[in-house]
């Protein structure tokens, strides 16, 4: 081991010895992470719903705005004009 590796190891051991643990730290961080995950999922679901509703609204508006004789879906081939 080189002297720089030894100094680094000593410094890391010193820092590690000064760290104090909190008994409820893991649960607190875990609950915070779950809240953020729920919020993220709610935002994504809300955005997806908004996109679907907007596209459906635009499609219905476009279909409703056209003249009846322009529609080519479900036309009767025997129907004469």
PDB file of N, CA and C in Angstrom:
ATOM      1  N   UNK A   1       0.847  -1.172   0.000  1.00  0.00           N
ATOM      2  CA  UNK A   1       0.000   0.000   0.000  1.00  0.00           C
ATOM      3  C   UNK A   1       0.896   1.239   0.000  1.00  0.00           C
ATOM      4  N   UNK A   2       0.536   2.204  -0.814  1.00  0.00           N
ATOM      5  CA  UNK A   2       1.338   3.426  -0.863  1.00  0.00           C
ATOM      6  C   UNK A   2       0.940   4.360   0.265  1.00  0.00           C
ATOM      7  N   UNK A   3       1.741   5.360   0.465  1.00  0.00           N
ATOM      8  CA  UNK A   3       1.471   6.297   1.563  1.00  0.00           C
ATOM      9  C   UNK A   3       0.188   7.089   1.304  1.00  0.00           C
ATOM     10  N   UNK A   4      -0.099   7.401   0.058  1.00  0.00           N
ATOM     11  CA  UNK A   4      -1.336   8.145  -0.218  1.00  0.00           C
ATOM     12  C   UNK A   4      -2.560   7.276   0.052  1.00  0.00           C
ATOM     13  N   UNK A   5      -2.476   5.993  -0.245  1.00  0.00           N
ATOM     14  CA  UNK A   5      -3.595   5.086   0.051  1.00  0.00           C
ATOM     15  C   UNK A   5      -3.788   4.958   1.551  1.00  0.00           C
ATOM     16  N   UNK A   6      -2.682   4.912   2.295  1.00  0.00           N
ATOM     17  CA  UNK A   6      -2.774   4.813   3.754  1.00  0.00           C
ATOM     18  C   UNK A   6      -3.390   6.068   4.348  1.00  0.00           C
ATOM     19  N   UNK A   7      -2.971   7.222   3.848  1.00  0.00           N
ATOM     20  CA  UNK A   7      -3.549   8.482   4.352  1.00  0.00           C
ATOM     21  C   UNK A   7      -5.036   8.562   4.026  1.00  0.00           C
ATOM     22  N   UNK A   8      -5.394   8.136   2.834  1.00  0.00           N
ATOM     23  CA  UNK A   8      -6.814   8.149   2.447  1.00  0.00           C
ATOM     24  C   UNK A   8      -7.615   7.204   3.334  1.00  0.00           C
ATOM     25  N   UNK A   9      -7.084   6.033   3.588  1.00  0.00           N
ATOM     26  CA  UNK A   9      -7.764   5.076   4.447  1.00  0.00           C
ATOM     27  C   UNK A   9      -7.924   5.623   5.863  1.00  0.00           C
ATOM     28  N   UNK A  10      -6.902   6.239   6.382  1.00  0.00           N
ATOM     29  CA  UNK A  10      -6.973   6.837   7.721  1.00  0.00           C
ATOM     30  C   UNK A  10      -8.017   7.957   7.765  1.00  0.00           C
ATOM     31  N   UNK A  11      -8.044   8.777   6.726  1.00  0.00           N
ATOM     32  CA  UNK A  11      -9.011   9.873   6.676  1.00  0.00           C
ATOM     33  C   UNK A  11     -10.435   9.326   6.622  1.00  0.00           C
ATOM     34  N   UNK A  12     -10.644   8.287   5.821  1.00  0.00           N
ATOM     35  CA  UNK A  12     -11.980   7.690   5.740  1.00  0.00           C
ATOM     36  C   UNK A  12     -12.383   7.037   7.058  1.00  0.00           C
ATOM     37  N   UNK A  13     -11.450   6.375   7.722  1.00  0.00           N
ATOM     38  CA  UNK A  13     -11.749   5.790   9.038  1.00  0.00           C
ATOM     39  C   UNK A  13     -12.100   6.868  10.059  1.00  0.00           C
ATOM     40  N   UNK A  14     -11.397   7.990  10.022  1.00  0.00           N
ATOM     41  CA  UNK A  14     -11.672   9.093  10.929  1.00  0.00           C
ATOM     42  C   UNK A  14     -13.072   9.658  10.683  1.00  0.00           C
ATOM     43  N   UNK A  15     -13.408   9.851   9.409  1.00  0.00           N
ATOM     44  CA  UNK A  15     -14.740  10.367   9.084  1.00  0.00           C
ATOM     45  C   UNK A  15     -15.812   9.368   9.499  1.00  0.00           C
ATOM     46  N   UNK A  16     -15.577   8.087   9.242  1.00  0.00           N
ATOM     47  CA  UNK A  16     -16.551   7.048   9.597  1.00  0.00           C
ATOM     48  C   UNK A  16     -16.737   6.951  11.107  1.00  0.00           C
ATOM     49  N   UNK A  17     -15.684   7.183  11.876  1.00  0.00           N
ATOM     50  CA  UNK A  17     -15.817   7.096  13.331  1.00  0.00           C
ATOM     51  C   UNK A  17     -16.618   8.256  13.902  1.00  0.00           C
ATOM     52  N   UNK A  18     -16.704   9.367  13.192  1.00  0.00           N
ATOM     53  CA  UNK A  18     -17.443  10.530  13.673  1.00  0.00           C
ATOM     54  C   UNK A  18     -18.926  10.504  13.286  1.00  0.00           C
ATOM     55  N   UNK A  19     -19.307   9.561  12.452  1.00  0.00           N
ATOM     56  CA  UNK A  19     -20.702   9.477  12.013  1.00  0.00           C
ATOM     57  C   UNK A  19     -21.543   8.875  13.125  1.00  0.00           C
ATOM     58  N   UNK A  20     -22.644   9.538  13.425  1.00  0.00           N
ATOM     59  CA  UNK A  20     -23.577   9.001  14.414  1.00  0.00           C
ATOM     60  C   UNK A  20     -24.833   8.541  13.691  1.00  0.00           C
ATOM     61  N   UNK A  21     -25.407   7.480  14.192  1.00  0.00           N
ATOM     62  CA  UNK A  21     -26.607   6.931  13.559  1.00  0.00           C
ATOM     63  C   UNK A  21     -27.838   7.320  14.357  1.00  0.00           C
ATOM     64  N   UNK A  22     -28.899   7.531  13.634  1.00  0.00           N
ATOM     65  CA  UNK A  22     -30.175   7.823  14.259  1.00  0.00           C
ATOM     66  C   UNK A  22     -31.042   6.572  14.140  1.00  0.00           C
ATOM     67  N   UNK A  23     -31.717   6.178  15.220  1.00  0.00           N
ATOM     68  CA  UNK A  23     -32.491   4.930  15.166  1.00  0.00           C
ATOM     69  C   UNK A  23     -33.612   4.950  14.124  1.00  0.00           C
ATOM     70  N   UNK A  24     -34.244   6.063  13.913  1.00  0.00           N
ATOM     71  CA  UNK A  24     -35.365   6.110  12.983  1.00  0.00           C
ATOM     72  C   UNK A  24     -35.026   6.714  11.638  1.00  0.00           C
ATOM     73  N   UNK A  25     -33.754   6.867  11.346  1.00  0.00           N
ATOM     74  CA  UNK A  25     -33.346   7.530  10.109  1.00  0.00           C
ATOM     75  C   UNK A  25     -33.778   6.743   8.879  1.00  0.00           C
ATOM     76  N   UNK A  26     -33.623   5.424   8.917  1.00  0.00           N
ATOM     77  CA  UNK A  26     -33.975   4.623   7.748  1.00  0.00           C
ATOM     78  C   UNK A  26     -35.471   4.703   7.456  1.00  0.00           C
ATOM     79  N   UNK A  27     -36.280   4.580   8.479  1.00  0.00           N
ATOM     80  CA  UNK A  27     -37.739   4.654   8.284  1.00  0.00           C
ATOM     81  C   UNK A  27     -38.163   6.033   7.779  1.00  0.00           C
ATOM     82  N   UNK A  28     -37.527   7.067   8.290  1.00  0.00           N
ATOM     83  CA  UNK A  28     -37.856   8.427   7.861  1.00  0.00           C
ATOM     84  C   UNK A  28     -37.517   8.621   6.379  1.00  0.00           C
ATOM     85  N   UNK A  29     -36.340   8.181   5.993  1.00  0.00           N
ATOM     86  CA  UNK A  29     -35.932   8.313   4.592  1.00  0.00           C
ATOM     87  C   UNK A  29     -36.813   7.443   3.701  1.00  0.00           C
ATOM     88  N   UNK A  30     -37.150   6.257   4.166  1.00  0.00           N
ATOM     89  CA  UNK A  30     -38.003   5.365   3.381  1.00  0.00           C
ATOM     90  C   UNK A  30     -39.402   5.957   3.194  1.00  0.00           C
ATOM     91  N   UNK A  31     -39.974   6.537   4.225  1.00  0.00           N
ATOM     92  CA  UNK A  31     -41.302   7.141   4.096  1.00  0.00           C
ATOM     93  C   UNK A  31     -41.264   8.361   3.177  1.00  0.00           C
ATOM     94  N   UNK A  32     -40.180   9.135   3.238  1.00  0.00           N
ATOM     95  CA  UNK A  32     -40.020  10.276   2.345  1.00  0.00           C
ATOM     96  C   UNK A  32     -39.919   9.801   0.887  1.00  0.00           C
ATOM     97  N   UNK A  33     -39.166   8.730   0.665  1.00  0.00           N
ATOM     98  CA  UNK A  33     -39.017   8.182  -0.674  1.00  0.00           C
ATOM     99  C   UNK A  33     -40.353   7.676  -1.199  1.00  0.00           C
ATOM    100  N   UNK A  34     -41.136   7.008  -0.354  1.00  0.00           N
ATOM    101  CA  UNK A  34     -42.458   6.509  -0.772  1.00  0.00           C
ATOM    102  C   UNK A  34     -43.400   7.657  -1.111  1.00  0.00           C
ATOM    103  N   UNK A  35     -43.363   8.743  -0.331  1.00  0.00           N
ATOM    104  CA  UNK A  35     -44.201   9.910  -0.636  1.00  0.00           C
ATOM    105  C   UNK A  35     -43.842  10.493  -1.993  1.00  0.00           C
ATOM    106  N   UNK A  36     -42.534  10.625  -2.253  1.00  0.00           N
ATOM    107  CA  UNK A  36     -42.099  11.158  -3.543  1.00  0.00           C
ATOM    108  C   UNK A  36     -42.512  10.239  -4.681  1.00  0.00           C
ATOM    109  N   UNK A  37     -42.420   8.949  -4.486  1.00  0.00           N
ATOM    110  CA  UNK A  37     -42.807   7.980  -5.519  1.00  0.00           C
ATOM    111  C   UNK A  37     -44.309   8.045  -5.784  1.00  0.00           C
ATOM    112  N   UNK A  38     -45.110   8.149  -4.722  1.00  0.00           N
ATOM    113  CA  UNK A  38     -46.561   8.278  -4.904  1.00  0.00           C
ATOM    114  C   UNK A  38     -46.904   9.566  -5.644  1.00  0.00           C
ATOM    115  N   UNK A  39     -46.252  10.655  -5.276  1.00  0.00           N
ATOM    116  CA  UNK A  39     -46.497  11.937  -5.935  1.00  0.00           C
ATOM    117  C   UNK A  39     -46.126  11.857  -7.411  1.00  0.00           C
ATOM    118  N   UNK A  40     -44.995  11.231  -7.720  1.00  0.00           N
ATOM    119  CA  UNK A  40     -44.554  11.093  -9.101  1.00  0.00           C
ATOM    120  C   UNK A  40     -45.558  10.267  -9.902  1.00  0.00           C
ATOM    121  N   UNK A  41     -46.026   9.168  -9.324  1.00  0.00           N
ATOM    122  CA  UNK A  41     -47.006   8.326 -10.024  1.00  0.00           C
ATOM    123  C   UNK A  41     -48.320   9.056 -10.222  1.00  0.00           C
ATOM    124  N   UNK A  42     -48.741   9.831  -9.238  1.00  0.00           N
ATOM    125  CA  UNK A  42     -49.976  10.598  -9.362  1.00  0.00           C
ATOM    126  C   UNK A  42     -49.854  11.653 -10.465  1.00  0.00           C
ATOM    127  N   UNK A  43     -48.718  12.318 -10.533  1.00  0.00           N
ATOM    128  CA  UNK A  43     -48.500  13.323 -11.571  1.00  0.00           C
ATOM    129  C   UNK A  43     -48.498  12.680 -12.952  1.00  0.00           C
ATOM    130  N   UNK A  44     -47.822  11.543 -13.092  1.00  0.00           N
ATOM    131  CA  UNK A  44     -47.778  10.854 -14.385  1.00  0.00           C
ATOM    132  C   UNK A  44     -49.171  10.390 -14.781  1.00  0.00           C
ATOM    133  N   UNK A  45     -49.931   9.833 -13.847  1.00  0.00           N
ATOM    134  CA  UNK A  45     -51.289   9.387 -14.149  1.00  0.00           C
ATOM    135  C   UNK A  45     -52.180  10.570 -14.525  1.00  0.00           C
ATOM    136  N   UNK A  46     -52.027  11.681 -13.833  1.00  0.00           N
ATOM    137  CA  UNK A  46     -52.821  12.874 -14.148  1.00  0.00           C
ATOM    138  C   UNK A  46     -52.480  13.414 -15.535  1.00  0.00           C
ATOM    139  N   UNK A  47     -51.195  13.460 -15.858  1.00  0.00           N
ATOM    140  CA  UNK A  47     -50.799  13.934 -17.184  1.00  0.00           C
ATOM    141  C   UNK A  47     -51.296  13.000 -18.278  1.00  0.00           C
ATOM    142  N   UNK A  48     -51.214  11.699 -18.060  1.00  0.00           N
ATOM    143  CA  UNK A  48     -51.700  10.742 -19.055  1.00  0.00           C
ATOM    144  C   UNK A  48     -53.207  10.899 -19.249  1.00  0.00           C
ATOM    145  N   UNK A  49     -53.940  11.073 -18.165  1.00  0.00           N
ATOM    146  CA  UNK A  49     -55.385  11.276 -18.258  1.00  0.00           C
ATOM    147  C   UNK A  49     -55.705  12.561 -19.001  1.00  0.00           C
ATOM    148  N   UNK A  50     -54.974  13.625 -18.719  1.00  0.00           N
ATOM    149  CA  UNK A  50     -55.195  14.897 -19.402  1.00  0.00           C
ATOM    150  C   UNK A  50     -54.921  14.780 -20.893  1.00  0.00           C
ATOM    151  N   UNK A  51     -53.874  14.060 -21.261  1.00  0.00           N
ATOM    152  CA  UNK A  51     -53.558  13.884 -22.683  1.00  0.00           C
ATOM    153  C   UNK A  51     -54.657  13.100 -23.376  1.00  0.00           C
ATOM    154  N   UNK A  52     -55.128  12.020 -22.759  1.00  0.00           N
ATOM    155  CA  UNK A  52     -56.195  11.219 -23.361  1.00  0.00           C
ATOM    156  C   UNK A  52     -57.468  12.039 -23.495  1.00  0.00           C
ATOM    157  N   UNK A  53     -57.824  12.781 -22.465  1.00  0.00           N
ATOM    158  CA  UNK A  53     -59.034  13.599 -22.530  1.00  0.00           C
ATOM    159  C   UNK A  53     -58.917  14.689 -23.592  1.00  0.00           C
ATOM    160  N   UNK A  54     -57.763  15.313 -23.690  1.00  0.00           N
ATOM    161  CA  UNK A  54     -57.570  16.363 -24.692  1.00  0.00           C
ATOM    162  C   UNK A  54     -57.654  15.797 -26.106  1.00  0.00           C
ATOM    163  N   UNK A  55     -57.004  14.662 -26.341  1.00  0.00           N
ATOM    164  CA  UNK A  55     -57.048  14.086 -27.688  1.00  0.00           C
ATOM    165  C   UNK A  55     -58.448  13.610 -28.039  1.00  0.00           C
ATOM    166  N   UNK A  56     -59.160  13.051 -27.084  1.00  0.00           N
ATOM    167  CA  UNK A  56     -60.551  12.652 -27.342  1.00  0.00           C
ATOM    168  C   UNK A  56     -61.419  13.869 -27.628  1.00  0.00           C
ATOM    169  N   UNK A  57     -61.219  14.927 -26.875  1.00  0.00           N
ATOM    170  CA  UNK A  57     -61.994  16.141 -27.113  1.00  0.00           C
ATOM    171  C   UNK A  57     -61.720  16.733 -28.486  1.00  0.00           C
ATOM    172  N   UNK A  58     -60.463  16.774 -28.879  1.00  0.00           N
ATOM    173  CA  UNK A  58     -60.107  17.307 -30.204  1.00  0.00           C
ATOM    174  C   UNK A  58     -60.689  16.416 -31.299  1.00  0.00           C
ATOM    175  N   UNK A  59     -60.592  15.106 -31.120  1.00  0.00           N
ATOM    176  CA  UNK A  59     -61.133  14.185 -32.126  1.00  0.00           C
ATOM    177  C   UNK A  59     -62.644  14.327 -32.249  1.00  0.00           C
ATOM    178  N   UNK A  60     -63.340  14.406 -31.135  1.00  0.00           N
ATOM    179  CA  UNK A  60     -64.792  14.577 -31.189  1.00  0.00           C
ATOM    180  C   UNK A  60     -65.168  15.912 -31.803  1.00  0.00           C
ATOM    181  N   UNK A  61     -64.426  16.949 -31.484  1.00  0.00           N
ATOM    182  CA  UNK A  61     -64.693  18.255 -32.080  1.00  0.00           C
ATOM    183  C   UNK A  61     -64.482  18.212 -33.597  1.00  0.00           C
ATOM    184  N   UNK A  62     -63.413  17.575 -34.028  1.00  0.00           N
ATOM    185  CA  UNK A  62     -63.122  17.488 -35.466  1.00  0.00           C
ATOM    186  C   UNK A  62     -64.181  16.671 -36.183  1.00  0.00           C
ATOM    187  N   UNK A  63     -64.605  15.571 -35.590  1.00  0.00           N
ATOM    188  CA  UNK A  63     -65.638  14.752 -36.224  1.00  0.00           C
ATOM    189  C   UNK A  63     -66.979  15.468 -36.247  1.00  0.00           C
ATOM    190  N   UNK A  64     -67.276  16.203 -35.230  1.00  0.00           N
ATOM    191  CA  UNK A  64     -68.551  16.902 -35.140  1.00  0.00           C
ATOM    192  C   UNK A  64     -68.577  18.126 -36.044  1.00  0.00           C
ATOM    193  N   UNK A  65     -67.431  18.679 -36.349  1.00  0.00           N
ATOM    194  CA  UNK A  65     -67.343  19.900 -37.136  1.00  0.00           C
ATOM    195  C   UNK A  65     -67.478  19.637 -38.637  1.00  0.00           C
ATOM    196  N   UNK A  66     -67.295  18.395 -39.066  1.00  0.00           N
ATOM    197  CA  UNK A  66     -67.333  18.079 -40.494  1.00  0.00           C
ATOM    198  C   UNK A  66     -68.774  18.012 -40.998  1.00  0.00           C
ATOM    199  N   UNK A  67     -68.933  18.218 -42.298  1.00  0.00           N
ATOM    200  CA  UNK A  67     -70.260  18.103 -42.912  1.00  0.00           C
ATOM    201  C   UNK A  67     -70.651  16.628 -42.980  1.00  0.00           C
ATOM    202  N   UNK A  68     -71.930  16.307 -42.884  1.00  0.00           N
ATOM    203  CA  UNK A  68     -72.355  14.898 -42.894  1.00  0.00           C
ATOM    204  C   UNK A  68     -71.983  14.165 -44.182  1.00  0.00           C
ATOM    205  N   UNK A  69     -71.969  14.840 -45.315  1.00  0.00           N
ATOM    206  CA  UNK A  69     -71.651  14.144 -46.564  1.00  0.00           C
ATOM    207  C   UNK A  69     -70.153  13.903 -46.735  1.00  0.00           C
ATOM    208  N   UNK A  70     -69.343  14.431 -45.850  1.00  0.00           N
ATOM    209  CA  UNK A  70     -67.899  14.202 -45.917  1.00  0.00           C
ATOM    210  C   UNK A  70     -67.486  12.884 -45.272  1.00  0.00           C
ATOM    211  N   UNK A  71     -68.291  12.348 -44.424  1.00  0.00           N
ATOM    212  CA  UNK A  71     -67.920  11.129 -43.705  1.00  0.00           C
ATOM    213  C   UNK A  71     -67.895   9.953 -44.664  1.00  0.00           C
ATOM    214  N   UNK A  72     -66.813   9.228 -44.665  1.00  0.00           N
ATOM    215  CA  UNK A  72     -66.706   8.077 -45.546  1.00  0.00           C
ATOM    216  C   UNK A  72     -66.747   6.774 -44.759  1.00  0.00           C
ATOM    217  N   UNK A  73     -66.770   6.855 -43.460  1.00  0.00           N
ATOM    218  CA  UNK A  73     -66.851   5.661 -42.634  1.00  0.00           C
ATOM    219  C   UNK A  73     -68.311   5.230 -42.555  1.00  0.00           C
ATOM    220  N   UNK A  74     -68.572   3.981 -42.691  1.00  0.00           N
ATOM    221  CA  UNK A  74     -69.900   3.382 -42.601  1.00  0.00           C
ATOM    222  C   UNK A  74     -70.842   3.877 -43.701  1.00  0.00           C
ATOM    223  N   UNK A  75     -70.310   4.199 -44.844  1.00  0.00           N
ATOM    224  CA  UNK A  75     -71.197   4.591 -45.930  1.00  0.00           C
ATOM    225  C   UNK A  75     -71.766   3.347 -46.597  1.00  0.00           C
ATOM    226  N   UNK A  76     -72.975   3.467 -47.032  1.00  0.00           N
ATOM    227  CA  UNK A  76     -73.648   2.363 -47.709  1.00  0.00           C
ATOM    228  C   UNK A  76     -73.268   2.390 -49.170  1.00  0.00           C
ATOM    229  N   UNK A  77     -72.647   1.320 -49.701  1.00  0.00           N
ATOM    230  CA  UNK A  77     -72.211   1.350 -51.095  1.00  0.00           C
ATOM    231  C   UNK A  77     -73.388   1.359 -52.074  1.00  0.00           C
ATOM    232  N   UNK A  78     -74.560   0.941 -51.611  1.00  0.00           N
ATOM    233  CA  UNK A  78     -75.710   0.961 -52.506  1.00  0.00           C
ATOM    234  C   UNK A  78     -76.395   2.310 -52.518  1.00  0.00           C
ATOM    235  N   UNK A  79     -76.023   3.172 -51.624  1.00  0.00           N
ATOM    236  CA  UNK A  79     -76.645   4.501 -51.525  1.00  0.00           C
ATOM    237  C   UNK A  79     -76.191   5.358 -52.698  1.00  0.00           C
ATOM    238  N   UNK A  80     -77.132   5.947 -53.405  1.00  0.00           N
ATOM    239  CA  UNK A  80     -76.786   6.828 -54.526  1.00  0.00           C
ATOM    240  C   UNK A  80     -76.965   8.260 -54.106  1.00  0.00           C
ATOM    241  N   UNK A  81     -76.197   9.101 -54.736  1.00  0.00           N
ATOM    242  CA  UNK A  81     -76.278  10.513 -54.361  1.00  0.00           C
ATOM    243  C   UNK A  81     -77.106  11.264 -55.331  1.00  0.00           C
TER     244      UNK A  81
END
